[in-house]
PDB file of all heavy atoms in Angstrom:
ATOM      1  N   ALA A   1       0.822  -1.217  -0.002  1.00  0.00           N
ATOM      2  CA  ALA A   1      -0.001  -0.002   0.002  1.00  0.00           C
ATOM      3  C   ALA A   1       0.860   1.262  -0.002  1.00  0.00           C
ATOM      4  O   ALA A   1       0.528   2.251  -0.655  1.00  0.00           O
ATOM      5  CB  ALA A   1      -0.936  -0.007   1.211  1.00  0.00           C
ATOM      6  N   LEU A   2       1.975   1.236   0.708  1.00  0.00           N
ATOM      7  CA  LEU A   2       2.826   2.417   0.803  1.00  0.00           C
ATOM      8  C   LEU A   2       3.812   2.544  -0.346  1.00  0.00           C
ATOM      9  O   LEU A   2       4.216   3.645  -0.701  1.00  0.00           O
ATOM     10  CB  LEU A   2       3.619   2.394   2.122  1.00  0.00           C
ATOM     11  CG  LEU A   2       2.811   2.537   3.382  1.00  0.00           C
ATOM     12  CD1 LEU A   2       3.717   2.386   4.599  1.00  0.00           C
ATOM     13  CD2 LEU A   2       2.087   3.857   3.430  1.00  0.00           C
ATOM     14  N   GLY A   3       4.197   1.424  -0.934  1.00  0.00           N
ATOM     15  CA  GLY A   3       5.271   1.442  -1.912  1.00  0.00           C
ATOM     16  C   GLY A   3       4.864   1.563  -3.359  1.00  0.00           C
ATOM     17  O   GLY A   3       5.715   1.474  -4.229  1.00  0.00           O
ATOM     18  N   ASP A   4       3.625   1.787  -3.643  1.00  0.00           N
ATOM     19  CA  ASP A   4       3.164   1.791  -5.040  1.00  0.00           C
ATOM     20  C   ASP A   4       3.793   2.894  -5.888  1.00  0.00           C
ATOM     21  O   ASP A   4       4.157   2.665  -7.025  1.00  0.00           O
ATOM     22  CB  ASP A   4       1.644   1.891  -5.107  1.00  0.00           C
ATOM     23  CG  ASP A   4       0.962   0.603  -4.697  1.00  0.00           C
ATOM     24  OD1 ASP A   4       1.627  -0.438  -4.647  1.00  0.00           O
ATOM     25  OD2 ASP A   4      -0.242   0.650  -4.420  1.00  0.00           O
ATOM     26  N   ASP A   5       3.946   4.094  -5.358  1.00  0.00           N
ATOM     27  CA  ASP A   5       4.403   5.216  -6.195  1.00  0.00           C
ATOM     28  C   ASP A   5       5.770   5.750  -5.806  1.00  0.00           C
ATOM     29  O   ASP A   5       6.238   6.728  -6.385  1.00  0.00           O
ATOM     30  CB  ASP A   5       3.384   6.345  -6.166  1.00  0.00           C
ATOM     31  CG  ASP A   5       3.231   6.962  -4.787  1.00  0.00           C
ATOM     32  OD1 ASP A   5       3.844   6.462  -3.829  1.00  0.00           O
ATOM     33  OD2 ASP A   5       2.488   7.955  -4.661  1.00  0.00           O
ATOM     34  N   GLY A   6       6.432   5.165  -4.830  1.00  0.00           N
ATOM     35  CA  GLY A   6       7.745   5.637  -4.408  1.00  0.00           C
ATOM     36  C   GLY A   6       7.693   6.783  -3.419  1.00  0.00           C
ATOM     37  O   GLY A   6       8.728   7.241  -2.946  1.00  0.00           O
ATOM     38  N   GLY A   7       6.511   7.270  -3.119  1.00  0.00           N
ATOM     39  CA  GLY A   7       6.370   8.387  -2.192  1.00  0.00           C
ATOM     40  C   GLY A   7       6.833   8.061  -0.784  1.00  0.00           C
ATOM     41  O   GLY A   7       7.419   8.900  -0.104  1.00  0.00           O
ATOM     42  N   PHE A   8       6.594   6.835  -0.352  1.00  0.00           N
ATOM     43  CA  PHE A   8       7.020   6.440   0.981  1.00  0.00           C
ATOM     44  C   PHE A   8       8.540   6.463   1.086  1.00  0.00           C
ATOM     45  O   PHE A   8       9.100   6.977   2.051  1.00  0.00           O
ATOM     46  CB  PHE A   8       6.482   5.052   1.333  1.00  0.00           C
ATOM     47  CG  PHE A   8       6.994   4.546   2.654  1.00  0.00           C
ATOM     48  CD1 PHE A   8       6.470   5.003   3.839  1.00  0.00           C
ATOM     49  CD2 PHE A   8       8.028   3.634   2.707  1.00  0.00           C
ATOM     50  CE1 PHE A   8       6.941   4.562   5.055  1.00  0.00           C
ATOM     51  CE2 PHE A   8       8.524   3.173   3.913  1.00  0.00           C
ATOM     52  CZ  PHE A   8       7.969   3.654   5.103  1.00  0.00           C
ATOM     53  N   THR A   9       9.216   5.923   0.077  1.00  0.00           N
ATOM     54  CA  THR A   9      10.675   5.877   0.108  1.00  0.00           C
ATOM     55  C   THR A   9      11.264   7.281   0.089  1.00  0.00           C
ATOM     56  O   THR A   9      12.189   7.581   0.833  1.00  0.00           O
ATOM     57  CB  THR A   9      11.218   5.054  -1.078  1.00  0.00           C
ATOM     58  OG1 THR A   9      10.637   3.749  -1.033  1.00  0.00           O
ATOM     59  CG2 THR A   9      12.721   4.915  -1.027  1.00  0.00           C
ATOM     60  N   ARG A  10      10.722   8.168  -0.745  1.00  0.00           N
ATOM     61  CA  ARG A  10      11.184   9.558  -0.791  1.00  0.00           C
ATOM     62  C   ARG A  10      11.003  10.218   0.583  1.00  0.00           C
ATOM     63  O   ARG A  10      11.900  10.880   1.078  1.00  0.00           O
ATOM     64  CB  ARG A  10      10.440  10.354  -1.867  1.00  0.00           C
ATOM     65  CG  ARG A  10      10.808  11.834  -1.866  1.00  0.00           C
ATOM     66  CD  ARG A  10      10.189  12.569  -3.029  1.00  0.00           C
ATOM     67  NE  ARG A  10      10.814  12.205  -4.290  1.00  0.00           N
ATOM     68  CZ  ARG A  10      11.966  12.724  -4.713  1.00  0.00           C
ATOM     69  NH1 ARG A  10      12.603  13.622  -4.010  1.00  0.00           N
ATOM     70  NH2 ARG A  10      12.473  12.333  -5.868  1.00  0.00           N
ATOM     71  N   CYS A  11       9.839  10.029   1.180  1.00  0.00           N
ATOM     72  CA  CYS A  11       9.579  10.631   2.495  1.00  0.00           C
ATOM     73  C   CYS A  11      10.540  10.087   3.550  1.00  0.00           C
ATOM     74  O   CYS A  11      11.069  10.839   4.365  1.00  0.00           O
ATOM     75  CB  CYS A  11       8.132  10.370   2.899  1.00  0.00           C
ATOM     76  SG  CYS A  11       7.670  11.142   4.453  1.00  0.00           S
ATOM     77  N   LEU A  12      10.805   8.776   3.510  1.00  0.00           N
ATOM     78  CA  LEU A  12      11.729   8.168   4.470  1.00  0.00           C
ATOM     79  C   LEU A  12      13.131   8.737   4.298  1.00  0.00           C
ATOM     80  O   LEU A  12      13.795   9.079   5.284  1.00  0.00           O
ATOM     81  CB  LEU A  12      11.732   6.649   4.310  1.00  0.00           C
ATOM     82  CG  LEU A  12      12.624   5.877   5.272  1.00  0.00           C
ATOM     83  CD1 LEU A  12      12.222   6.123   6.717  1.00  0.00           C
ATOM     84  CD2 LEU A  12      12.586   4.397   4.951  1.00  0.00           C
ATOM     85  N   VAL A  13      13.590   8.868   3.062  1.00  0.00           N
ATOM     86  CA  VAL A  13      14.908   9.453   2.801  1.00  0.00           C
ATOM     87  C   VAL A  13      14.961  10.878   3.352  1.00  0.00           C
ATOM     88  O   VAL A  13      15.921  11.260   4.020  1.00  0.00           O
ATOM     89  CB  VAL A  13      15.249   9.430   1.287  1.00  0.00           C
ATOM     90  CG1 VAL A  13      16.460  10.294   0.984  1.00  0.00           C
ATOM     91  CG2 VAL A  13      15.496   8.000   0.833  1.00  0.00           C
ATOM     92  N   GLN A  14      13.930  11.656   3.087  1.00  0.00           N
ATOM     93  CA  GLN A  14      13.908  13.035   3.559  1.00  0.00           C
ATOM     94  C   GLN A  14      13.945  13.109   5.085  1.00  0.00           C
ATOM     95  O   GLN A  14      14.714  13.902   5.658  1.00  0.00           O
ATOM     96  CB  GLN A  14      12.658  13.756   3.026  1.00  0.00           C
ATOM     97  CG  GLN A  14      12.702  13.998   1.547  1.00  0.00           C
ATOM     98  CD  GLN A  14      11.390  14.503   0.997  1.00  0.00           C
ATOM     99  OE1 GLN A  14      10.318  14.284   1.570  1.00  0.00           O
ATOM    100  NE2 GLN A  14      11.449  15.194  -0.136  1.00  0.00           N
ATOM    101  N   LYS A  15      13.146  12.302   5.741  1.00  0.00           N
ATOM    102  CA  LYS A  15      13.095  12.329   7.213  1.00  0.00           C
ATOM    103  C   LYS A  15      14.419  11.877   7.826  1.00  0.00           C
ATOM    104  O   LYS A  15      14.894  12.464   8.806  1.00  0.00           O
ATOM    105  CB  LYS A  15      11.940  11.468   7.738  1.00  0.00           C
ATOM    106  CG  LYS A  15      10.573  11.946   7.321  1.00  0.00           C
ATOM    107  CD  LYS A  15      10.290  13.334   7.819  1.00  0.00           C
ATOM    108  CE  LYS A  15       8.887  13.766   7.415  1.00  0.00           C
ATOM    109  NZ  LYS A  15       8.582  15.127   7.819  1.00  0.00           N
ATOM    110  N   LEU A  16      15.027  10.830   7.269  1.00  0.00           N
ATOM    111  CA  LEU A  16      16.305  10.364   7.795  1.00  0.00           C
ATOM    112  C   LEU A  16      17.415  11.385   7.519  1.00  0.00           C
ATOM    113  O   LEU A  16      18.327  11.550   8.329  1.00  0.00           O
ATOM    114  CB  LEU A  16      16.672   9.008   7.210  1.00  0.00           C
ATOM    115  CG  LEU A  16      15.824   7.829   7.691  1.00  0.00           C
ATOM    116  CD1 LEU A  16      16.181   6.549   6.933  1.00  0.00           C
ATOM    117  CD2 LEU A  16      15.975   7.625   9.187  1.00  0.00           C
ATOM    118  N   LEU A  17      17.326  12.068   6.390  1.00  0.00           N
ATOM    119  CA  LEU A  17      18.308  13.098   6.071  1.00  0.00           C
ATOM    120  C   LEU A  17      18.177  14.282   7.022  1.00  0.00           C
ATOM    121  O   LEU A  17      19.182  14.830   7.493  1.00  0.00           O
ATOM    122  CB  LEU A  17      18.131  13.542   4.617  1.00  0.00           C
ATOM    123  CG  LEU A  17      19.272  14.296   3.970  1.00  0.00           C
ATOM    124  CD1 LEU A  17      20.599  13.583   4.121  1.00  0.00           C
ATOM    125  CD2 LEU A  17      18.975  14.507   2.492  1.00  0.00           C
ATOM    126  N   VAL A  18      16.962  14.662   7.352  1.00  0.00           N
ATOM    127  CA  VAL A  18      16.732  15.729   8.339  1.00  0.00           C
ATOM    128  C   VAL A  18      17.384  15.341   9.663  1.00  0.00           C
ATOM    129  O   VAL A  18      18.080  16.135  10.295  1.00  0.00           O
ATOM    130  CB  VAL A  18      15.226  16.014   8.533  1.00  0.00           C
ATOM    131  CG1 VAL A  18      14.950  16.828   9.790  1.00  0.00           C
ATOM    132  CG2 VAL A  18      14.662  16.718   7.312  1.00  0.00           C
ATOM    133  N   TYR A  19      17.154  14.110  10.080  1.00  0.00           N
ATOM    134  CA  TYR A  19      17.736  13.629  11.337  1.00  0.00           C
ATOM    135  C   TYR A  19      19.267  13.633  11.259  1.00  0.00           C
ATOM    136  O   TYR A  19      19.946  14.115  12.172  1.00  0.00           O
ATOM    137  CB  TYR A  19      17.227  12.219  11.645  1.00  0.00           C
ATOM    138  CG  TYR A  19      17.784  11.660  12.918  1.00  0.00           C
ATOM    139  CD1 TYR A  19      17.276  12.063  14.156  1.00  0.00           C
ATOM    140  CD2 TYR A  19      18.816  10.738  12.897  1.00  0.00           C
ATOM    141  CE1 TYR A  19      17.797  11.562  15.342  1.00  0.00           C
ATOM    142  CE2 TYR A  19      19.345  10.227  14.084  1.00  0.00           C
ATOM    143  CZ  TYR A  19      18.827  10.637  15.287  1.00  0.00           C
ATOM    144  OH  TYR A  19      19.347  10.147  16.454  1.00  0.00           O
ATOM    145  N   GLY A  20      19.817  13.137  10.163  1.00  0.00           N
ATOM    146  CA  GLY A  20      21.266  13.049  10.009  1.00  0.00           C
ATOM    147  C   GLY A  20      21.937  14.408   9.923  1.00  0.00           C
ATOM    148  O   GLY A  20      23.049  14.590  10.413  1.00  0.00           O
ATOM    149  N   LEU A  21      21.276  15.363   9.293  1.00  0.00           N
ATOM    150  CA  LEU A  21      21.845  16.704   9.153  1.00  0.00           C
ATOM    151  C   LEU A  21      21.615  17.563  10.390  1.00  0.00           C
ATOM    152  O   LEU A  21      22.334  18.531  10.621  1.00  0.00           O
ATOM    153  CB  LEU A  21      21.256  17.416   7.932  1.00  0.00           C
ATOM    154  CG  LEU A  21      21.555  16.797   6.577  1.00  0.00           C
ATOM    155  CD1 LEU A  21      20.797  17.543   5.479  1.00  0.00           C
ATOM    156  CD2 LEU A  21      23.049  16.812   6.290  1.00  0.00           C
ATOM    157  N   GLY A  22      20.604  17.219  11.165  1.00  0.00           N
ATOM    158  CA  GLY A  22      20.277  18.009  12.341  1.00  0.00           C
ATOM    159  C   GLY A  22      19.643  19.352  11.981  1.00  0.00           C
ATOM    160  O   GLY A  22      19.726  20.309  12.741  1.00  0.00           O
ATOM    161  N   ARG A  23      19.023  19.408  10.821  1.00  0.00           N
ATOM    162  CA  ARG A  23      18.343  20.632  10.375  1.00  0.00           C
ATOM    163  C   ARG A  23      17.284  20.284   9.359  1.00  0.00           C
ATOM    164  O   ARG A  23      17.257  19.183   8.811  1.00  0.00           O
ATOM    165  CB  ARG A  23      19.349  21.600   9.755  1.00  0.00           C
ATOM    166  CG  ARG A  23      19.996  21.093   8.473  1.00  0.00           C
ATOM    167  CD  ARG A  23      20.690  22.207   7.707  1.00  0.00           C
ATOM    168  NE  ARG A  23      21.416  21.750   6.535  1.00  0.00           N
ATOM    169  CZ  ARG A  23      20.855  21.501   5.350  1.00  0.00           C
ATOM    170  NH1 ARG A  23      19.551  21.634   5.190  1.00  0.00           N
ATOM    171  NH2 ARG A  23      21.600  21.100   4.336  1.00  0.00           N
ATOM    172  N   ALA A  24      16.414  21.234   9.106  1.00  0.00           N
ATOM    173  CA  ALA A  24      15.373  21.039   8.094  1.00  0.00           C
ATOM    174  C   ALA A  24      15.994  21.038   6.703  1.00  0.00           C
ATOM    175  O   ALA A  24      17.046  21.642   6.483  1.00  0.00           O
ATOM    176  CB  ALA A  24      14.318  22.136   8.193  1.00  0.00           C
ATOM    177  N   LEU A  25      15.348  20.359   5.781  1.00  0.00           N
ATOM    178  CA  LEU A  25      15.820  20.372   4.396  1.00  0.00           C
ATOM    179  C   LEU A  25      15.518  21.737   3.777  1.00  0.00           C
ATOM    180  O   LEU A  25      14.518  22.373   4.096  1.00  0.00           O
ATOM    181  CB  LEU A  25      15.153  19.276   3.571  1.00  0.00           C
ATOM    182  CG  LEU A  25      15.517  17.842   3.941  1.00  0.00           C
ATOM    183  CD1 LEU A  25      14.816  16.857   3.032  1.00  0.00           C
ATOM    184  CD2 LEU A  25      17.020  17.626   3.912  1.00  0.00           C
ATOM    185  N   GLN A  26      16.397  22.148   2.893  1.00  0.00           N
ATOM    186  CA  GLN A  26      16.249  23.410   2.187  1.00  0.00           C
ATOM    187  C   GLN A  26      15.999  23.104   0.714  1.00  0.00           C
ATOM    188  O   GLN A  26      16.288  22.005   0.246  1.00  0.00           O
ATOM    189  CB  GLN A  26      17.501  24.253   2.372  1.00  0.00           C
ATOM    190  CG  GLN A  26      17.769  24.560   3.830  1.00  0.00           C
ATOM    191  CD  GLN A  26      19.154  25.130   4.078  1.00  0.00           C
ATOM    192  OE1 GLN A  26      19.978  25.240   3.175  1.00  0.00           O
ATOM    193  NE2 GLN A  26      19.419  25.481   5.324  1.00  0.00           N
ATOM    194  N   PRO A  27      15.462  24.061  -0.038  1.00  0.00           N
ATOM    195  CA  PRO A  27      15.176  23.801  -1.457  1.00  0.00           C
ATOM    196  C   PRO A  27      16.369  23.250  -2.230  1.00  0.00           C
ATOM    197  O   PRO A  27      16.210  22.376  -3.088  1.00  0.00           O
ATOM    198  CB  PRO A  27      14.762  25.171  -1.998  1.00  0.00           C
ATOM    199  CG  PRO A  27      14.178  25.866  -0.808  1.00  0.00           C
ATOM    200  CD  PRO A  27      15.012  25.404   0.361  1.00  0.00           C
ATOM    201  N   GLY A  28      17.568  23.683  -1.923  1.00  0.00           N
ATOM    202  CA  GLY A  28      18.755  23.202  -2.623  1.00  0.00           C
ATOM    203  C   GLY A  28      19.125  21.763  -2.293  1.00  0.00           C
ATOM    204  O   GLY A  28      19.979  21.169  -2.958  1.00  0.00           O
ATOM    205  N   ASP A  29      18.496  21.182  -1.284  1.00  0.00           N
ATOM    206  CA  ASP A  29      18.792  19.802  -0.888  1.00  0.00           C
ATOM    207  C   ASP A  29      18.054  18.769  -1.731  1.00  0.00           C
ATOM    208  O   ASP A  29      18.328  17.577  -1.630  1.00  0.00           O
ATOM    209  CB  ASP A  29      18.422  19.585   0.590  1.00  0.00           C
ATOM    210  CG  ASP A  29      19.230  20.468   1.531  1.00  0.00           C
ATOM    211  OD1 ASP A  29      20.325  20.908   1.147  1.00  0.00           O
ATOM    212  OD2 ASP A  29      18.742  20.719   2.653  1.00  0.00           O
ATOM    213  N   ALA A  30      17.140  19.208  -2.576  1.00  0.00           N
ATOM    214  CA  ALA A  30      16.328  18.276  -3.381  1.00  0.00           C
ATOM    215  C   ALA A  30      17.193  17.408  -4.286  1.00  0.00           C
ATOM    216  O   ALA A  30      16.912  16.225  -4.474  1.00  0.00           O
ATOM    217  CB  ALA A  30      15.305  19.043  -4.200  1.00  0.00           C
ATOM    218  N   SER A  31      18.275  17.978  -4.814  1.00  0.00           N
ATOM    219  CA  SER A  31      19.134  17.185  -5.695  1.00  0.00           C
ATOM    220  C   SER A  31      19.847  16.065  -4.926  1.00  0.00           C
ATOM    221  O   SER A  31      20.078  14.984  -5.473  1.00  0.00           O
ATOM    222  CB  SER A  31      20.159  18.067  -6.408  1.00  0.00           C
ATOM    223  OG  SER A  31      20.993  18.713  -5.469  1.00  0.00           O
ATOM    224  N   ALA A  32      20.173  16.307  -3.668  1.00  0.00           N
ATOM    225  CA  ALA A  32      20.791  15.265  -2.844  1.00  0.00           C
ATOM    226  C   ALA A  32      19.802  14.132  -2.583  1.00  0.00           C
ATOM    227  O   ALA A  32      20.164  12.959  -2.637  1.00  0.00           O
ATOM    228  CB  ALA A  32      21.304  15.837  -1.530  1.00  0.00           C
ATOM    229  N   VAL A  33      18.560  14.491  -2.313  1.00  0.00           N
ATOM    230  CA  VAL A  33      17.515  13.479  -2.106  1.00  0.00           C
ATOM    231  C   VAL A  33      17.348  12.657  -3.381  1.00  0.00           C
ATOM    232  O   VAL A  33      17.290  11.424  -3.339  1.00  0.00           O
ATOM    233  CB  VAL A  33      16.180  14.125  -1.676  1.00  0.00           C
ATOM    234  CG1 VAL A  33      15.047  13.102  -1.652  1.00  0.00           C
ATOM    235  CG2 VAL A  33      16.318  14.795  -0.319  1.00  0.00           C
ATOM    236  N   ASP A  34      17.287  13.341  -4.533  1.00  0.00           N
ATOM    237  CA  ASP A  34      17.147  12.645  -5.805  1.00  0.00           C
ATOM    238  C   ASP A  34      18.318  11.698  -6.070  1.00  0.00           C
ATOM    239  O   ASP A  34      18.129  10.584  -6.563  1.00  0.00           O
ATOM    240  CB  ASP A  34      17.019  13.652  -6.957  1.00  0.00           C
ATOM    241  CG  ASP A  34      15.715  14.430  -6.918  1.00  0.00           C
ATOM    242  OD1 ASP A  34      14.753  13.962  -6.273  1.00  0.00           O
ATOM    243  OD2 ASP A  34      15.654  15.507  -7.534  1.00  0.00           O
TER     244      ASP A  34
END
């Protein structure tokens, strides 16, 4: 149910990256997520 469109994986990457960086993601961080 969660994995059909890749949205769950993108969200998980973003949340773990926020935790790892210790800050909110910024618009310029989108390329790193991609």
